[in-house]
Amino acid sequence: MSPILSPYSASISELKRNPSQLIERAGGEVVAILNHNKPTAYLIPAEAYEWISNLIEDQELRAIIEEREAERASAKEVTLDEL
């Protein structure tokens, strides 16, 4: 069985019935949405989603930087006049 990674949980039926109340009741915390008592989705506050998105973007940029730093060793230096 999958662990529920949230202090709050609700069924899909509860979510359909009154999503605003569910969000308010969670008080800014993540809510696990359950289907047959198994987590199928997580409802997260907008601020948390933005933070996660920024973190992923930072990781992608870090990978690009590391890749380009590795390419530096095989790069040939030229002056602007040589271009």
C-alpha atoms as a PDB file:
ATOM      1  CA  MET A   1       0.000   0.000   0.000  1.00  0.00           C
ATOM      2  CA  SER A   2       1.272   3.476  -0.854  1.00  0.00           C
ATOM      3  CA  PRO A   3       2.071   5.693   2.128  1.00  0.00           C
ATOM      4  CA  ILE A   4       0.035   8.871   2.534  1.00  0.00           C
ATOM      5  CA  LEU A   5       2.542  11.721   2.469  1.00  0.00           C
ATOM      6  CA  SER A   6       0.297  14.366   3.964  1.00  0.00           C
ATOM      7  CA  PRO A   7      -1.137  15.303   7.344  1.00  0.00           C
ATOM      8  CA  TYR A   8      -4.595  15.659   5.744  1.00  0.00           C
ATOM      9  CA  SER A   9      -6.538  13.379   3.443  1.00  0.00           C
ATOM     10  CA  ALA A  10      -9.916  13.393   1.716  1.00  0.00           C
ATOM     11  CA  SER A  11     -11.791  11.197  -0.689  1.00  0.00           C
ATOM     12  CA  ILE A  12     -12.464  12.221  -4.265  1.00  0.00           C
ATOM     13  CA  SER A  13     -16.142  12.474  -3.270  1.00  0.00           C
ATOM     14  CA  GLU A  14     -15.280  14.992  -0.537  1.00  0.00           C
ATOM     15  CA  LEU A  15     -13.218  16.995  -3.013  1.00  0.00           C
ATOM     16  CA  LYS A  16     -16.111  17.088  -5.491  1.00  0.00           C
ATOM     17  CA  ARG A  17     -18.647  17.995  -2.805  1.00  0.00           C
ATOM     18  CA  ASN A  18     -16.925  21.094  -1.436  1.00  0.00           C
ATOM     19  CA  PRO A  19     -13.393  21.853  -2.644  1.00  0.00           C
ATOM     20  CA  SER A  20     -13.275  25.287  -0.981  1.00  0.00           C
ATOM     21  CA  GLN A  21     -14.100  23.846   2.417  1.00  0.00           C
ATOM     22  CA  LEU A  22     -11.467  21.141   1.982  1.00  0.00           C
ATOM     23  CA  ILE A  23      -8.786  23.714   1.155  1.00  0.00           C
ATOM     24  CA  GLU A  24      -9.826  25.903   4.080  1.00  0.00           C
ATOM     25  CA  ARG A  25      -9.877  22.957   6.496  1.00  0.00           C
ATOM     26  CA  ALA A  26      -6.326  21.994   5.480  1.00  0.00           C
ATOM     27  CA  GLY A  27      -5.080  25.441   6.459  1.00  0.00           C
ATOM     28  CA  GLY A  28      -2.394  25.675   3.794  1.00  0.00           C
ATOM     29  CA  GLU A  29      -1.199  22.096   4.197  1.00  0.00           C
ATOM     30  CA  VAL A  30      -1.025  19.434   1.510  1.00  0.00           C
ATOM     31  CA  VAL A  31      -4.126  17.231   1.172  1.00  0.00           C
ATOM     32  CA  ALA A  32      -3.867  13.651  -0.072  1.00  0.00           C
ATOM     33  CA  ILE A  33      -6.787  12.816  -2.350  1.00  0.00           C
ATOM     34  CA  LEU A  34      -7.761   9.180  -1.892  1.00  0.00           C
ATOM     35  CA  ASN A  35      -9.525   6.768  -4.205  1.00  0.00           C
ATOM     36  CA  HIS A  36     -10.481   3.503  -2.490  1.00  0.00           C
ATOM     37  CA  ASN A  37      -8.220   4.518   0.414  1.00  0.00           C
ATOM     38  CA  LYS A  38      -5.168   4.872  -1.826  1.00  0.00           C
ATOM     39  CA  PRO A  39      -3.537   8.231  -2.612  1.00  0.00           C
ATOM     40  CA  THR A  40      -4.233   9.166  -6.229  1.00  0.00           C
ATOM     41  CA  ALA A  41      -3.334  12.864  -6.109  1.00  0.00           C
ATOM     42  CA  TYR A  42      -2.128  15.591  -3.810  1.00  0.00           C
ATOM     43  CA  LEU A  43      -3.768  18.983  -3.531  1.00  0.00           C
ATOM     44  CA  ILE A  44      -1.052  21.493  -2.698  1.00  0.00           C
ATOM     45  CA  PRO A  45      -1.212  25.230  -1.980  1.00  0.00           C
ATOM     46  CA  ALA A  46      -0.193  27.531  -4.839  1.00  0.00           C
ATOM     47  CA  GLU A  47       2.846  28.777  -2.899  1.00  0.00           C
ATOM     48  CA  ALA A  48       4.138  25.224  -2.460  1.00  0.00           C
ATOM     49  CA  TYR A  49       3.657  24.494  -6.164  1.00  0.00           C
ATOM     50  CA  GLU A  50       5.559  27.659  -7.107  1.00  0.00           C
ATOM     51  CA  TRP A  51       8.390  26.716  -4.726  1.00  0.00           C
ATOM     52  CA  ILE A  52       8.604  23.199  -6.189  1.00  0.00           C
ATOM     53  CA  SER A  53       8.567  24.585  -9.750  1.00  0.00           C
ATOM     54  CA  ASN A  54      11.402  26.980  -8.926  1.00  0.00           C
ATOM     55  CA  LEU A  55      13.388  24.178  -7.304  1.00  0.00           C
ATOM     56  CA  ILE A  56      13.014  21.982 -10.403  1.00  0.00           C
ATOM     57  CA  GLU A  57      14.037  24.873 -12.665  1.00  0.00           C
ATOM     58  CA  ASP A  58      17.102  25.520 -10.498  1.00  0.00           C
ATOM     59  CA  GLN A  59      18.098  21.844 -10.757  1.00  0.00           C
ATOM     60  CA  GLU A  60      17.714  21.923 -14.549  1.00  0.00           C
ATOM     61  CA  LEU A  61      19.880  25.051 -14.762  1.00  0.00           C
ATOM     62  CA  ARG A  62      22.493  23.453 -12.494  1.00  0.00           C
ATOM     63  CA  ALA A  63      22.674  20.442 -14.851  1.00  0.00           C
ATOM     64  CA  ILE A  64      23.197  22.771 -17.850  1.00  0.00           C
ATOM     65  CA  ILE A  65      25.950  24.651 -16.015  1.00  0.00           C
ATOM     66  CA  GLU A  66      27.731  21.430 -15.039  1.00  0.00           C
ATOM     67  CA  GLU A  67      27.485  20.133 -18.605  1.00  0.00           C
ATOM     68  CA  ARG A  68      28.951  23.320 -20.016  1.00  0.00           C
ATOM     69  CA  GLU A  69      31.732  23.388 -17.427  1.00  0.00           C
ATOM     70  CA  ALA A  70      32.681  19.859 -18.495  1.00  0.00           C
ATOM     71  CA  GLU A  71      32.827  21.017 -22.130  1.00  0.00           C
ATOM     72  CA  ARG A  72      35.201  23.835 -21.215  1.00  0.00           C
ATOM     73  CA  ALA A  73      38.191  21.472 -21.055  1.00  0.00           C
ATOM     74  CA  SER A  74      37.816  20.631 -24.746  1.00  0.00           C
ATOM     75  CA  ALA A  75      37.083  24.186 -25.848  1.00  0.00           C
ATOM     76  CA  LYS A  76      39.577  26.171 -27.906  1.00  0.00           C
ATOM     77  CA  GLU A  77      40.217  29.762 -26.917  1.00  0.00           C
ATOM     78  CA  VAL A  78      39.987  32.356 -29.668  1.00  0.00           C
ATOM     79  CA  THR A  79      40.124  36.123 -29.739  1.00  0.00           C
ATOM     80  CA  LEU A  80      37.381  38.286 -31.159  1.00  0.00           C
ATOM     81  CA  ASP A  81      39.638  39.133 -34.093  1.00  0.00           C
ATOM     82  CA  GLU A  82      39.908  35.434 -34.953  1.00  0.00           C
ATOM     83  CA  LEU A  83      36.159  35.138 -35.219  1.00  0.00           C
END
